[in-house]
Amino acid sequence: MLLVLDIGNTNTCLGIFDGACLVADWRLTSEKRTGDELGIYLTGLLYMTKLDQKSITSSIISSVVPPLEMAWREGISKYLGIKPMVVDSSVDLGIKVKYDIPAEVGADRLVNAVAAVHNYGSPVIVVDFGTAVTLDYVSSDRSYLGGAIAPGLQASVEALFGKTAKLPLVALEPPKRAIGRSTSESMRSGIVIGYAGLIDGLVDRMAQEQKEAPKVIATGGHAETVARWSSRINVVDPNLTLEGLRLIYERNIK
């Protein structure tokens, strides 16, 4: 079986694949840990899920947090006896990368692009709602062109709370309407519906620039919440990144 990890600034997502089937997945907080701590954490998760750790024979990692990547690699190597594959712009992705400086692209963005093209075809735009909100464009000839990066929804909430005297720290629950009838409802409207408008506007501009009609695939923690208000998001795929890691591993191991 294959262990896949996507290490982000806020959360680390793990999955176990048996062939093409995702048999277990977890979302952990991306806190500073040692390799031993993460190895023990991982073996504990496998035990609780009744998965034999000896059945995990391979692993692949995408990461935007180098210190955590190193700790996870150490933990996986020590406790599972596996040397993980690490995703960067030099591995065979099956798509062309036309970013000006390919090494600058976050590994998670490339992984999402691979999965989106495989599952939904191209042209396609991937919207990932993480610590930052990213939009990534893959053209009809399967070329990753780049995209846009905006602050994440939670970062926007925390900025309002931290920089204003009277605005509360609100949970990002789906708003009932655009015109909020209370301060917290108004904040949820401004952030959730506002981000839906941001996504729709960027998608329209990208499509006009490329003179194409891309599908729009959303993933990440707040994807479902924002997608309800978006007119351009076609599909919400919560496991897109994990699936992309599996596809990249299988392509490169061959």
C-alpha atoms as a PDB file:
ATOM      1  CA  MET A   1       0.000   0.000   0.000  1.00  0.00           C
ATOM      2  CA  LEU A   2       1.017   3.607  -0.617  1.00  0.00           C
ATOM      3  CA  LEU A   3       1.263   6.351   2.024  1.00  0.00           C
ATOM      4  CA  VAL A   4       0.720   9.864   0.615  1.00  0.00           C
ATOM      5  CA  LEU A   5       1.284  13.125   2.504  1.00  0.00           C
ATOM      6  CA  ASP A   6       0.521  16.730   1.595  1.00  0.00           C
ATOM      7  CA  ILE A   7       2.256  19.022   4.110  1.00  0.00           C
ATOM      8  CA  GLY A   8       0.733  22.502   4.190  1.00  0.00           C
ATOM      9  CA  ASN A   9       1.259  25.540   6.374  1.00  0.00           C
ATOM     10  CA  THR A  10      -1.884  24.911   8.431  1.00  0.00           C
ATOM     11  CA  ASN A  11      -2.767  21.236   7.914  1.00  0.00           C
ATOM     12  CA  THR A  12      -1.058  18.030   6.838  1.00  0.00           C
ATOM     13  CA  CYS A  13      -3.245  15.579   4.934  1.00  0.00           C
ATOM     14  CA  LEU A  14      -2.367  11.887   4.893  1.00  0.00           C
ATOM     15  CA  GLY A  15      -3.882   9.047   2.915  1.00  0.00           C
ATOM     16  CA  ILE A  16      -3.373   5.319   2.423  1.00  0.00           C
ATOM     17  CA  PHE A  17      -4.019   3.869  -1.038  1.00  0.00           C
ATOM     18  CA  ASP A  18      -4.523   0.208  -1.788  1.00  0.00           C
ATOM     19  CA  GLY A  19      -4.069   0.347  -5.543  1.00  0.00           C
ATOM     20  CA  ALA A  20      -6.351   3.155  -6.727  1.00  0.00           C
ATOM     21  CA  CYS A  21      -8.606   2.900  -3.659  1.00  0.00           C
ATOM     22  CA  LEU A  22      -8.206   5.407  -0.824  1.00  0.00           C
ATOM     23  CA  VAL A  23      -8.710   3.217   2.248  1.00  0.00           C
ATOM     24  CA  ALA A  24      -7.910   5.760   4.990  1.00  0.00           C
ATOM     25  CA  ASP A  25      -7.205   9.471   5.285  1.00  0.00           C
ATOM     26  CA  TRP A  26      -6.507  11.966   8.058  1.00  0.00           C
ATOM     27  CA  ARG A  27      -6.096  15.737   8.445  1.00  0.00           C
ATOM     28  CA  LEU A  28      -3.548  16.825  11.081  1.00  0.00           C
ATOM     29  CA  THR A  29      -2.397  20.222  12.305  1.00  0.00           C
ATOM     30  CA  SER A  30       0.985  21.180  10.831  1.00  0.00           C
ATOM     31  CA  GLU A  31       2.793  21.728  14.118  1.00  0.00           C
ATOM     32  CA  LYS A  32       6.548  21.552  14.603  1.00  0.00           C
ATOM     33  CA  ARG A  33       7.415  17.949  15.522  1.00  0.00           C
ATOM     34  CA  THR A  34      10.462  15.699  15.573  1.00  0.00           C
ATOM     35  CA  GLY A  35      10.802  12.699  13.299  1.00  0.00           C
ATOM     36  CA  ASP A  36      10.262  10.390  16.285  1.00  0.00           C
ATOM     37  CA  GLU A  37       7.057  12.180  17.300  1.00  0.00           C
ATOM     38  CA  LEU A  38       5.650  11.990  13.782  1.00  0.00           C
ATOM     39  CA  GLY A  39       6.682   8.350  13.377  1.00  0.00           C
ATOM     40  CA  ILE A  40       4.913   7.397  16.613  1.00  0.00           C
ATOM     41  CA  TYR A  41       1.900   9.488  15.603  1.00  0.00           C
ATOM     42  CA  LEU A  42       1.720   7.724  12.243  1.00  0.00           C
ATOM     43  CA  THR A  43       2.056   4.198  13.611  1.00  0.00           C
ATOM     44  CA  GLY A  44      -0.650   5.047  16.146  1.00  0.00           C
ATOM     45  CA  LEU A  45      -3.025   6.141  13.378  1.00  0.00           C
ATOM     46  CA  LEU A  46      -2.353   2.931  11.468  1.00  0.00           C
ATOM     47  CA  TYR A  47      -2.995   0.859  14.594  1.00  0.00           C
ATOM     48  CA  MET A  48      -6.278   2.669  15.342  1.00  0.00           C
ATOM     49  CA  THR A  49      -7.399   2.116  11.748  1.00  0.00           C
ATOM     50  CA  LYS A  50      -6.394  -1.560  11.979  1.00  0.00           C
ATOM     51  CA  LEU A  51      -3.920  -1.232   9.121  1.00  0.00           C
ATOM     52  CA  ASP A  52      -0.766  -3.344   9.339  1.00  0.00           C
ATOM     53  CA  GLN A  53       2.167  -0.944   9.054  1.00  0.00           C
ATOM     54  CA  LYS A  54       4.157  -3.675   7.294  1.00  0.00           C
ATOM     55  CA  SER A  55       1.666  -3.442   4.423  1.00  0.00           C
ATOM     56  CA  ILE A  56       2.820   0.141   3.739  1.00  0.00           C
ATOM     57  CA  THR A  57       5.573  -0.411   1.201  1.00  0.00           C
ATOM     58  CA  SER A  58       5.954   3.001  -0.433  1.00  0.00           C
ATOM     59  CA  SER A  59       5.356   6.703   0.199  1.00  0.00           C
ATOM     60  CA  ILE A  60       5.274  10.074  -1.549  1.00  0.00           C
ATOM     61  CA  ILE A  61       5.306  13.588  -0.079  1.00  0.00           C
ATOM     62  CA  SER A  62       4.416  17.054  -1.340  1.00  0.00           C
ATOM     63  CA  SER A  63       5.355  19.888   0.998  1.00  0.00           C
ATOM     64  CA  VAL A  64       5.535  23.664   1.284  1.00  0.00           C
ATOM     65  CA  VAL A  65       7.083  23.486   4.795  1.00  0.00           C
ATOM     66  CA  PRO A  66      10.724  22.268   4.495  1.00  0.00           C
ATOM     67  CA  PRO A  67      11.364  21.633   8.233  1.00  0.00           C
ATOM     68  CA  LEU A  68       8.214  19.501   8.539  1.00  0.00           C
ATOM     69  CA  GLU A  69       9.052  17.686   5.314  1.00  0.00           C
ATOM     70  CA  MET A  70      12.407  16.669   6.772  1.00  0.00           C
ATOM     71  CA  ALA A  71      10.821  15.497  10.029  1.00  0.00           C
ATOM     72  CA  TRP A  72       8.197  13.421   8.190  1.00  0.00           C
ATOM     73  CA  ARG A  73      10.857  11.859   5.977  1.00  0.00           C
ATOM     74  CA  GLU A  74      12.861  10.896   9.060  1.00  0.00           C
ATOM     75  CA  GLY A  75       9.806   9.485  10.832  1.00  0.00           C
ATOM     76  CA  ILE A  76       8.635   7.447   7.850  1.00  0.00           C
ATOM     77  CA  SER A  77      12.130   6.113   7.219  1.00  0.00           C
ATOM     78  CA  LYS A  78      12.724   5.143  10.851  1.00  0.00           C
ATOM     79  CA  TYR A  79       9.304   3.702  11.740  1.00  0.00           C
ATOM     80  CA  LEU A  80       8.144   2.249   8.414  1.00  0.00           C
ATOM     81  CA  GLY A  81      11.496   1.522   6.792  1.00  0.00           C
ATOM     82  CA  ILE A  82      10.545   3.490   3.664  1.00  0.00           C
ATOM     83  CA  LYS A  83      12.362   6.271   1.808  1.00  0.00           C
ATOM     84  CA  PRO A  84       9.583   8.596   0.546  1.00  0.00           C
ATOM     85  CA  MET A  85       9.530  10.081  -2.935  1.00  0.00           C
ATOM     86  CA  VAL A  86       9.316  13.901  -2.799  1.00  0.00           C
ATOM     87  CA  VAL A  87       7.426  15.933  -5.403  1.00  0.00           C
ATOM     88  CA  ASP A  88       9.065  18.909  -7.079  1.00  0.00           C
ATOM     89  CA  SER A  89       9.150  20.375 -10.585  1.00  0.00           C
ATOM     90  CA  SER A  90      11.862  17.890 -11.642  1.00  0.00           C
ATOM     91  CA  VAL A  91       9.721  14.741 -11.338  1.00  0.00           C
ATOM     92  CA  ASP A  92       7.716  13.420 -14.279  1.00  0.00           C
ATOM     93  CA  LEU A  93       4.259  14.953 -13.850  1.00  0.00           C
ATOM     94  CA  GLY A  94       2.754  14.019 -17.188  1.00  0.00           C
ATOM     95  CA  ILE A  95       2.049  17.700 -17.862  1.00  0.00           C
ATOM     96  CA  LYS A  96       4.298  20.507 -19.051  1.00  0.00           C
ATOM     97  CA  VAL A  97       5.242  23.230 -16.540  1.00  0.00           C
ATOM     98  CA  LYS A  98       5.479  26.652 -18.211  1.00  0.00           C
ATOM     99  CA  TYR A  99       5.918  28.712 -15.051  1.00  0.00           C
ATOM    100  CA  ASP A 100       8.757  31.223 -15.512  1.00  0.00           C
ATOM    101  CA  ILE A 101      10.739  29.612 -12.684  1.00  0.00           C
ATOM    102  CA  PRO A 102       9.332  26.072 -12.233  1.00  0.00           C
ATOM    103  CA  ALA A 103      11.141  25.546  -8.913  1.00  0.00           C
ATOM    104  CA  GLU A 104       9.051  28.357  -7.398  1.00  0.00           C
ATOM    105  CA  VAL A 105       5.743  26.542  -7.875  1.00  0.00           C
ATOM    106  CA  GLY A 106       4.367  24.983  -4.695  1.00  0.00           C
ATOM    107  CA  ALA A 107       4.408  21.200  -4.940  1.00  0.00           C
ATOM    108  CA  ASP A 108       0.751  21.034  -3.876  1.00  0.00           C
ATOM    109  CA  ARG A 109      -0.247  23.218  -6.835  1.00  0.00           C
ATOM    110  CA  LEU A 110       1.456  20.868  -9.289  1.00  0.00           C
ATOM    111  CA  VAL A 111      -0.066  17.807  -7.604  1.00  0.00           C
ATOM    112  CA  ASN A 112      -3.553  19.333  -7.838  1.00  0.00           C
ATOM    113  CA  ALA A 113      -3.018  20.140 -11.501  1.00  0.00           C
ATOM    114  CA  VAL A 114      -1.989  16.545 -12.284  1.00  0.00           C
ATOM    115  CA  ALA A 115      -5.067  15.105 -10.575  1.00  0.00           C
ATOM    116  CA  ALA A 116      -7.429  17.618 -12.168  1.00  0.00           C
ATOM    117  CA  VAL A 117      -6.194  16.879 -15.698  1.00  0.00           C
ATOM    118  CA  HIS A 118      -6.374  13.127 -15.097  1.00  0.00           C
ATOM    119  CA  ASN A 119      -9.863  13.174 -13.579  1.00  0.00           C
ATOM    120  CA  TYR A 120     -11.550  16.017 -15.456  1.00  0.00           C
ATOM    121  CA  GLY A 121      -9.504  16.753 -18.575  1.00  0.00           C
ATOM    122  CA  SER A 122      -8.157  20.090 -19.735  1.00  0.00           C
ATOM    123  CA  PRO A 123      -8.422  23.034 -19.880  1.00  0.00           C
ATOM    124  CA  VAL A 124      -9.030  23.127 -16.164  1.00  0.00           C
ATOM    125  CA  ILE A 125      -8.667  25.528 -13.246  1.00  0.00           C
ATOM    126  CA  VAL A 126      -8.022  24.190  -9.753  1.00  0.00           C
ATOM    127  CA  VAL A 127      -9.105  26.335  -6.803  1.00  0.00           C
ATOM    128  CA  ASP A 128      -7.495  25.209  -3.538  1.00  0.00           C
ATOM    129  CA  PHE A 129      -8.858  26.707  -0.315  1.00  0.00           C
ATOM    130  CA  GLY A 130      -5.954  26.340   2.095  1.00  0.00           C
ATOM    131  CA  THR A 131      -3.908  28.771   4.188  1.00  0.00           C
ATOM    132  CA  ALA A 132      -3.843  30.718   0.933  1.00  0.00           C
ATOM    133  CA  VAL A 133      -6.418  30.438  -1.842  1.00  0.00           C
ATOM    134  CA  THR A 134      -4.711  29.407  -5.075  1.00  0.00           C
ATOM    135  CA  LEU A 135      -6.062  29.200  -8.610  1.00  0.00           C
ATOM    136  CA  ASP A 136      -4.021  27.148 -11.070  1.00  0.00           C
ATOM    137  CA  TYR A 137      -4.595  27.008 -14.820  1.00  0.00           C
ATOM    138  CA  VAL A 138      -3.810  24.029 -17.061  1.00  0.00           C
ATOM    139  CA  SER A 139      -4.388  24.754 -20.747  1.00  0.00           C
ATOM    140  CA  SER A 140      -5.969  22.501 -23.345  1.00  0.00           C
ATOM    141  CA  ASP A 141      -2.511  21.171 -24.355  1.00  0.00           C
ATOM    142  CA  ARG A 142      -1.898  20.027 -20.743  1.00  0.00           C
ATOM    143  CA  SER A 143       0.478  22.874 -19.901  1.00  0.00           C
ATOM    144  CA  TYR A 144       0.560  24.225 -16.358  1.00  0.00           C
ATOM    145  CA  LEU A 145       0.678  27.984 -16.905  1.00  0.00           C
ATOM    146  CA  GLY A 146       0.454  29.405 -13.383  1.00  0.00           C
ATOM    147  CA  GLY A 147      -2.404  31.179 -11.687  1.00  0.00           C
ATOM    148  CA  ALA A 148      -3.282  33.447  -8.791  1.00  0.00           C
ATOM    149  CA  ILE A 149      -2.699  33.480  -5.029  1.00  0.00           C
ATOM    150  CA  ALA A 150      -4.897  35.262  -2.472  1.00  0.00           C
ATOM    151  CA  PRO A 151      -5.078  35.212   1.343  1.00  0.00           C
ATOM    152  CA  GLY A 152      -7.031  32.291   2.747  1.00  0.00           C
ATOM    153  CA  LEU A 153     -10.468  32.698   4.300  1.00  0.00           C
ATOM    154  CA  GLN A 154      -9.276  32.036   7.837  1.00  0.00           C
ATOM    155  CA  ALA A 155      -6.449  34.540   7.406  1.00  0.00           C
ATOM    156  CA  SER A 156      -9.036  37.147   6.371  1.00  0.00           C
ATOM    157  CA  VAL A 157     -11.151  36.439   9.451  1.00  0.00           C
ATOM    158  CA  GLU A 158      -8.124  36.735  11.719  1.00  0.00           C
ATOM    159  CA  ALA A 159      -7.024  39.962  10.023  1.00  0.00           C
ATOM    160  CA  LEU A 160     -10.436  41.553  10.643  1.00  0.00           C
ATOM    161  CA  PHE A 161     -10.428  40.406  14.263  1.00  0.00           C
ATOM    162  CA  GLY A 162      -6.862  41.534  14.877  1.00  0.00           C
ATOM    163  CA  LYS A 163      -7.040  44.914  13.147  1.00  0.00           C
ATOM    164  CA  THR A 164     -10.456  46.151  14.304  1.00  0.00           C
ATOM    165  CA  ALA A 165     -11.711  47.080  17.751  1.00  0.00           C
ATOM    166  CA  LYS A 166     -15.254  45.716  17.644  1.00  0.00           C
ATOM    167  CA  LEU A 167     -15.399  42.927  15.070  1.00  0.00           C
ATOM    168  CA  PRO A 168     -15.544  39.431  16.635  1.00  0.00           C
ATOM    169  CA  LEU A 169     -13.674  36.282  15.624  1.00  0.00           C
ATOM    170  CA  VAL A 170     -16.357  34.332  13.728  1.00  0.00           C
ATOM    171  CA  ALA A 171     -16.608  30.750  12.531  1.00  0.00           C
ATOM    172  CA  LEU A 172     -16.760  30.374   8.758  1.00  0.00           C
ATOM    173  CA  GLU A 173     -20.236  28.872   8.618  1.00  0.00           C
ATOM    174  CA  PRO A 174     -22.219  29.217   5.367  1.00  0.00           C
ATOM    175  CA  PRO A 175     -24.100  32.542   5.364  1.00  0.00           C
ATOM    176  CA  LYS A 176     -27.868  32.505   4.910  1.00  0.00           C
ATOM    177  CA  ARG A 177     -27.952  35.589   2.695  1.00  0.00           C
ATOM    178  CA  ALA A 178     -25.781  38.343   1.242  1.00  0.00           C
ATOM    179  CA  ILE A 179     -27.269  41.071   3.436  1.00  0.00           C
ATOM    180  CA  GLY A 180     -26.197  40.105   6.947  1.00  0.00           C
ATOM    181  CA  ARG A 181     -28.587  41.012   9.780  1.00  0.00           C
ATOM    182  CA  SER A 182     -25.896  40.967  12.486  1.00  0.00           C
ATOM    183  CA  THR A 183     -22.187  41.721  12.696  1.00  0.00           C
ATOM    184  CA  SER A 184     -21.146  38.073  12.598  1.00  0.00           C
ATOM    185  CA  GLU A 185     -23.572  37.332   9.748  1.00  0.00           C
ATOM    186  CA  SER A 186     -22.268  40.353   7.837  1.00  0.00           C
ATOM    187  CA  MET A 187     -18.693  39.159   8.268  1.00  0.00           C
ATOM    188  CA  ARG A 188     -19.548  35.676   7.013  1.00  0.00           C
ATOM    189  CA  SER A 189     -21.309  37.212   4.026  1.00  0.00           C
ATOM    190  CA  GLY A 190     -18.380  39.463   3.224  1.00  0.00           C
ATOM    191  CA  ILE A 191     -15.824  36.686   3.452  1.00  0.00           C
ATOM    192  CA  VAL A 192     -17.637  33.623   2.058  1.00  0.00           C
ATOM    193  CA  ILE A 193     -19.747  35.316  -0.627  1.00  0.00           C
ATOM    194  CA  GLY A 194     -16.973  37.830  -1.265  1.00  0.00           C
ATOM    195  CA  TYR A 195     -14.517  35.024  -1.969  1.00  0.00           C
ATOM    196  CA  ALA A 196     -17.040  33.348  -4.264  1.00  0.00           C
ATOM    197  CA  GLY A 197     -17.116  36.587  -6.256  1.00  0.00           C
ATOM    198  CA  LEU A 198     -13.303  36.758  -6.228  1.00  0.00           C
ATOM    199  CA  ILE A 199     -13.083  33.196  -7.573  1.00  0.00           C
ATOM    200  CA  ASP A 200     -15.712  33.782 -10.270  1.00  0.00           C
ATOM    201  CA  GLY A 201     -14.025  37.004 -11.376  1.00  0.00           C
ATOM    202  CA  LEU A 202     -10.556  35.452 -11.615  1.00  0.00           C
ATOM    203  CA  VAL A 203     -11.903  32.403 -13.457  1.00  0.00           C
ATOM    204  CA  ASP A 204     -13.618  34.654 -16.002  1.00  0.00           C
ATOM    205  CA  ARG A 205     -10.464  36.696 -16.581  1.00  0.00           C
ATOM    206  CA  MET A 206      -8.277  33.594 -16.956  1.00  0.00           C
ATOM    207  CA  ALA A 207     -10.713  32.056 -19.416  1.00  0.00           C
ATOM    208  CA  GLN A 208     -10.786  35.296 -21.447  1.00  0.00           C
ATOM    209  CA  GLU A 209      -6.986  35.491 -21.510  1.00  0.00           C
ATOM    210  CA  GLN A 210      -6.672  31.928 -22.805  1.00  0.00           C
ATOM    211  CA  LYS A 211      -9.798  32.044 -25.000  1.00  0.00           C
ATOM    212  CA  GLU A 212     -10.860  28.695 -23.533  1.00  0.00           C
ATOM    213  CA  ALA A 213     -13.737  27.365 -21.439  1.00  0.00           C
ATOM    214  CA  PRO A 214     -12.067  25.545 -18.523  1.00  0.00           C
ATOM    215  CA  LYS A 215     -13.770  23.335 -15.978  1.00  0.00           C
ATOM    216  CA  VAL A 216     -13.295  24.606 -12.431  1.00  0.00           C
ATOM    217  CA  ILE A 217     -12.463  22.111  -9.683  1.00  0.00           C
ATOM    218  CA  ALA A 218     -12.371  23.173  -6.022  1.00  0.00           C
ATOM    219  CA  THR A 219     -10.610  21.444  -3.152  1.00  0.00           C
ATOM    220  CA  GLY A 220      -9.430  22.301   0.355  1.00  0.00           C
ATOM    221  CA  GLY A 221     -11.049  22.986   3.690  1.00  0.00           C
ATOM    222  CA  HIS A 222     -13.525  25.721   2.701  1.00  0.00           C
ATOM    223  CA  ALA A 223     -14.252  24.547  -0.842  1.00  0.00           C
ATOM    224  CA  GLU A 224     -17.772  23.294  -0.156  1.00  0.00           C
ATOM    225  CA  THR A 225     -18.742  26.449   1.766  1.00  0.00           C
ATOM    226  CA  VAL A 226     -17.669  28.845  -0.997  1.00  0.00           C
ATOM    227  CA  ALA A 227     -18.837  26.628  -3.877  1.00  0.00           C
ATOM    228  CA  ARG A 228     -22.457  27.073  -2.768  1.00  0.00           C
ATOM    229  CA  TRP A 229     -22.206  30.751  -3.708  1.00  0.00           C
ATOM    230  CA  SER A 230     -19.992  30.411  -6.796  1.00  0.00           C
ATOM    231  CA  SER A 231     -21.398  30.331 -10.319  1.00  0.00           C
ATOM    232  CA  ARG A 232     -18.130  29.045 -11.829  1.00  0.00           C
ATOM    233  CA  ILE A 233     -17.061  26.117  -9.611  1.00  0.00           C
ATOM    234  CA  ASN A 234     -18.202  22.911 -11.317  1.00  0.00           C
ATOM    235  CA  VAL A 235     -16.963  20.201  -8.925  1.00  0.00           C
ATOM    236  CA  VAL A 236     -15.775  19.993  -5.305  1.00  0.00           C
ATOM    237  CA  ASP A 237     -13.202  17.211  -4.926  1.00  0.00           C
ATOM    238  CA  PRO A 238     -11.923  16.952  -1.329  1.00  0.00           C
ATOM    239  CA  ASN A 239      -9.342  14.248  -2.122  1.00  0.00           C
ATOM    240  CA  LEU A 240      -7.858  15.856  -5.223  1.00  0.00           C
ATOM    241  CA  THR A 241      -4.377  16.368  -3.750  1.00  0.00           C
ATOM    242  CA  LEU A 242      -4.123  12.848  -2.344  1.00  0.00           C
ATOM    243  CA  GLU A 243      -5.200  11.418  -5.698  1.00  0.00           C
ATOM    244  CA  GLY A 244      -2.598  13.545  -7.486  1.00  0.00           C
ATOM    245  CA  LEU A 245       0.143  12.206  -5.248  1.00  0.00           C
ATOM    246  CA  ARG A 246      -0.872   8.639  -6.076  1.00  0.00           C
ATOM    247  CA  LEU A 247      -0.848   9.371  -9.801  1.00  0.00           C
ATOM    248  CA  ILE A 248       2.593  10.999  -9.666  1.00  0.00           C
ATOM    249  CA  TYR A 249       4.043   8.117  -7.651  1.00  0.00           C
ATOM    250  CA  GLU A 250       2.706   5.506 -10.053  1.00  0.00           C
ATOM    251  CA  ARG A 251       3.967   7.444 -13.064  1.00  0.00           C
ATOM    252  CA  ASN A 252       7.488   7.813 -11.675  1.00  0.00           C
ATOM    253  CA  ILE A 253       7.889   4.373 -10.135  1.00  0.00           C
ATOM    254  CA  LYS A 254       7.398   2.852 -13.575  1.00  0.00           C
END
